[in-house]
N, C-alpha and C. Protein backbone atom coordinates (compact mmCIF):
# COMPACT_ATOMS: atom_id res chain seq x y z
N MET A 1 -17.12 2.17 32.15
CA MET A 1 -17.80 2.07 30.91
C MET A 1 -17.65 0.56 30.59
N LYS A 2 -18.56 -0.15 29.85
CA LYS A 2 -18.20 -1.34 29.43
C LYS A 2 -18.00 -1.42 27.88
N SER A 3 -16.98 -2.13 27.64
CA SER A 3 -16.51 -2.19 26.06
C SER A 3 -17.60 -3.25 25.43
N MET A 4 -17.74 -2.80 23.99
CA MET A 4 -18.57 -3.66 23.21
C MET A 4 -17.53 -4.80 22.68
N ASN A 5 -18.47 -5.94 22.57
CA ASN A 5 -17.82 -7.05 21.96
C ASN A 5 -18.31 -7.47 20.77
N PHE A 6 -17.57 -7.23 19.52
CA PHE A 6 -17.98 -7.36 18.14
C PHE A 6 -17.77 -8.94 17.72
N SER A 7 -16.86 -9.54 18.46
CA SER A 7 -16.53 -10.83 17.95
C SER A 7 -17.70 -12.03 17.86
N SER A 8 -18.77 -11.54 18.64
CA SER A 8 -19.95 -12.57 18.36
C SER A 8 -20.78 -12.27 17.10
N SER A 9 -20.40 -11.10 16.49
CA SER A 9 -21.35 -10.74 15.05
C SER A 9 -20.32 -10.88 14.05
N PRO A 10 -20.85 -11.56 12.99
CA PRO A 10 -19.82 -11.85 11.88
C PRO A 10 -19.72 -10.77 11.14
N CYS A 11 -20.52 -9.57 11.15
CA CYS A 11 -20.41 -8.20 10.35
C CYS A 11 -19.60 -7.30 10.92
N HIS A 12 -18.98 -7.80 12.05
CA HIS A 12 -18.00 -6.75 12.58
C HIS A 12 -16.54 -7.31 12.43
N HIS A 13 -16.13 -7.56 11.11
CA HIS A 13 -14.59 -7.73 10.88
C HIS A 13 -14.23 -6.67 9.85
N CYS A 14 -13.08 -6.63 9.73
CA CYS A 14 -12.53 -5.65 8.68
C CYS A 14 -13.12 -5.74 7.12
N ARG A 15 -13.42 -6.75 6.85
CA ARG A 15 -13.97 -7.01 5.29
C ARG A 15 -15.38 -6.32 5.21
N HIS A 16 -16.10 -6.02 6.33
CA HIS A 16 -17.36 -5.24 6.28
C HIS A 16 -17.26 -3.93 6.46
N CYS A 17 -15.92 -3.34 6.67
CA CYS A 17 -15.88 -1.92 6.94
C CYS A 17 -15.75 -1.13 5.59
N ARG A 18 -16.16 0.14 5.66
CA ARG A 18 -16.49 0.83 4.28
C ARG A 18 -14.89 1.21 3.94
N ASP A 19 -13.86 1.26 4.82
CA ASP A 19 -12.67 1.58 4.41
C ASP A 19 -11.67 0.05 4.00
N TYR A 20 -12.16 -0.86 3.90
CA TYR A 20 -11.66 -1.98 3.68
C TYR A 20 -11.66 -2.23 2.20
N GLU A 21 -10.50 -2.63 1.45
CA GLU A 21 -10.30 -2.75 -0.02
C GLU A 21 -9.37 -3.93 -0.12
N MET A 22 -10.28 -4.98 -0.73
CA MET A 22 -9.76 -6.43 -1.04
C MET A 22 -8.73 -6.51 -1.97
N THR A 23 -7.61 -7.01 -1.55
CA THR A 23 -6.19 -7.00 -2.52
C THR A 23 -6.16 -8.56 -2.96
N SER A 24 -6.60 -9.31 -2.02
CA SER A 24 -6.47 -11.01 -2.27
C SER A 24 -7.52 -11.48 -1.73
N ARG A 25 -7.41 -13.04 -1.61
CA ARG A 25 -8.47 -13.89 -1.19
C ARG A 25 -8.69 -13.71 0.40
N ARG A 26 -7.78 -13.25 0.98
CA ARG A 26 -7.77 -13.21 2.58
C ARG A 26 -7.36 -11.82 3.27
N ASP A 27 -6.43 -11.28 2.24
CA ASP A 27 -6.09 -9.79 2.87
C ASP A 27 -6.59 -8.57 2.12
N GLY A 28 -6.36 -7.54 2.58
CA GLY A 28 -7.03 -6.29 2.11
C GLY A 28 -6.11 -5.12 2.56
N HIS A 29 -6.47 -4.02 2.11
CA HIS A 29 -5.96 -2.85 2.67
C HIS A 29 -6.79 -1.81 3.35
N CYS A 30 -6.44 -1.50 4.60
CA CYS A 30 -7.31 -0.57 5.29
C CYS A 30 -6.93 0.84 4.92
N GLN A 31 -7.89 1.53 4.46
CA GLN A 31 -7.61 2.78 3.62
C GLN A 31 -7.43 4.16 4.94
N GLN A 32 -8.14 3.81 6.22
CA GLN A 32 -8.08 4.56 7.34
C GLN A 32 -6.48 4.66 7.80
N LEU A 33 -5.96 3.15 7.90
CA LEU A 33 -4.70 3.16 8.76
C LEU A 33 -3.43 2.92 7.86
N GLY A 34 -3.80 2.66 6.56
CA GLY A 34 -3.02 2.53 5.34
C GLY A 34 -2.10 1.56 5.51
N VAL A 35 -2.61 0.24 6.09
CA VAL A 35 -1.87 -0.85 6.16
C VAL A 35 -2.72 -2.10 5.59
N THR A 36 -1.79 -3.14 5.53
CA THR A 36 -2.64 -4.39 5.01
C THR A 36 -3.12 -5.15 6.53
N VAL A 37 -4.34 -5.65 6.21
CA VAL A 37 -5.22 -6.16 7.27
C VAL A 37 -5.54 -7.62 6.77
N GLN A 38 -6.13 -8.41 7.45
CA GLN A 38 -6.93 -9.74 7.16
C GLN A 38 -8.36 -9.55 7.09
N GLY A 39 -9.23 -9.88 6.22
CA GLY A 39 -10.68 -9.45 6.36
C GLY A 39 -11.19 -9.93 7.59
N ASN A 40 -10.77 -11.07 8.28
CA ASN A 40 -11.35 -11.72 9.41
C ASN A 40 -10.98 -11.14 10.67
N TRP A 41 -10.00 -10.19 10.63
CA TRP A 41 -9.71 -9.55 11.97
C TRP A 41 -10.93 -8.73 12.49
N GLU A 42 -11.08 -8.88 13.85
CA GLU A 42 -11.92 -7.99 14.60
C GLU A 42 -11.79 -6.44 14.20
N VAL A 43 -12.90 -5.81 14.22
CA VAL A 43 -12.82 -4.33 13.76
C VAL A 43 -12.13 -3.44 14.82
N CYS A 44 -11.65 -2.28 14.08
CA CYS A 44 -11.12 -1.45 15.18
C CYS A 44 -12.02 -0.47 15.46
N PRO A 45 -11.51 0.67 16.38
CA PRO A 45 -12.57 1.89 16.60
C PRO A 45 -13.03 2.78 15.49
N LEU A 46 -12.33 2.81 14.21
CA LEU A 46 -12.41 3.49 13.27
C LEU A 46 -13.61 2.72 12.32
N PHE A 47 -14.16 1.60 12.68
CA PHE A 47 -15.07 1.00 11.88
C PHE A 47 -16.26 1.71 11.27
N VAL A 48 -16.75 1.58 10.18
CA VAL A 48 -17.74 2.08 9.58
C VAL A 48 -18.44 1.22 8.79
N SER A 49 -19.70 0.61 8.99
CA SER A 49 -20.04 -0.30 8.18
C SER A 49 -20.20 0.28 6.50
N ALA A 50 -19.89 -0.88 5.76
CA ALA A 50 -20.18 -0.52 4.23
C ALA A 50 -21.59 -0.19 4.03
N PHE A 51 -22.53 -0.52 4.97
CA PHE A 51 -23.80 -0.58 4.45
C PHE A 51 -24.60 0.62 5.03
N THR A 52 -23.66 1.55 5.74
CA THR A 52 -23.94 2.62 6.43
C THR A 52 -24.07 3.84 5.42
N PRO A 53 -25.32 4.53 5.36
CA PRO A 53 -25.48 5.75 4.43
C PRO A 53 -24.59 6.78 4.60
N ASP A 54 -23.88 7.49 3.77
CA ASP A 54 -22.91 8.54 3.81
C ASP A 54 -23.49 9.50 5.02
N TRP A 55 -24.50 9.73 5.24
CA TRP A 55 -25.04 10.80 6.18
C TRP A 55 -25.16 10.37 7.57
N GLU A 56 -24.85 9.09 7.50
CA GLU A 56 -24.71 8.57 9.12
C GLU A 56 -23.53 8.09 9.28
N ALA A 57 -22.45 8.03 8.48
CA ALA A 57 -21.11 7.79 8.70
C ALA A 57 -20.51 8.92 9.73
N SER A 58 -19.52 8.45 10.46
CA SER A 58 -18.77 9.33 11.58
C SER A 58 -18.32 10.42 10.76
N GLU A 59 -18.04 11.55 11.27
CA GLU A 59 -17.19 12.56 10.85
C GLU A 59 -15.57 12.19 10.73
N ASP A 60 -15.14 11.19 11.53
CA ASP A 60 -13.85 10.84 11.49
C ASP A 60 -13.61 10.06 10.25
N SER A 61 -14.56 9.39 9.71
CA SER A 61 -14.23 8.76 8.63
C SER A 61 -14.34 9.34 7.22
N LYS A 62 -14.75 10.77 7.52
CA LYS A 62 -14.81 11.73 6.16
C LYS A 62 -13.56 12.59 6.37
N MET A 63 -12.48 12.50 7.10
CA MET A 63 -11.44 13.13 7.51
C MET A 63 -10.48 13.28 6.37
N HIS A 64 -10.55 11.94 5.59
CA HIS A 64 -9.54 11.80 4.25
C HIS A 64 -10.07 12.58 3.14
N THR A 65 -11.08 13.22 3.14
CA THR A 65 -11.60 14.09 1.93
C THR A 65 -11.02 15.46 2.29
N VAL A 66 -10.33 15.91 1.36
CA VAL A 66 -9.70 17.24 1.23
C VAL A 66 -10.05 18.01 0.12
N LEU A 67 -10.43 19.31 0.59
CA LEU A 67 -11.07 20.13 -0.49
C LEU A 67 -9.97 21.11 -0.66
N ILE A 68 -9.69 21.38 -2.05
CA ILE A 68 -8.57 22.39 -2.55
C ILE A 68 -9.34 23.67 -2.97
């Protein structure tokens, strides 16, 4: 299986992920991983575009929703 190379596309960096929350000019917080990341890092396998409608988002990205 061939792996995807996101590095050639400017939209596949942490800062373009739905789970990225900017905390400073260069750094942000990944809500999925619970860690500080840099916005220019290449995306991880949990990447969900900020511009993807909710109904197209993967089920994994919705796992943080808890019903009580």
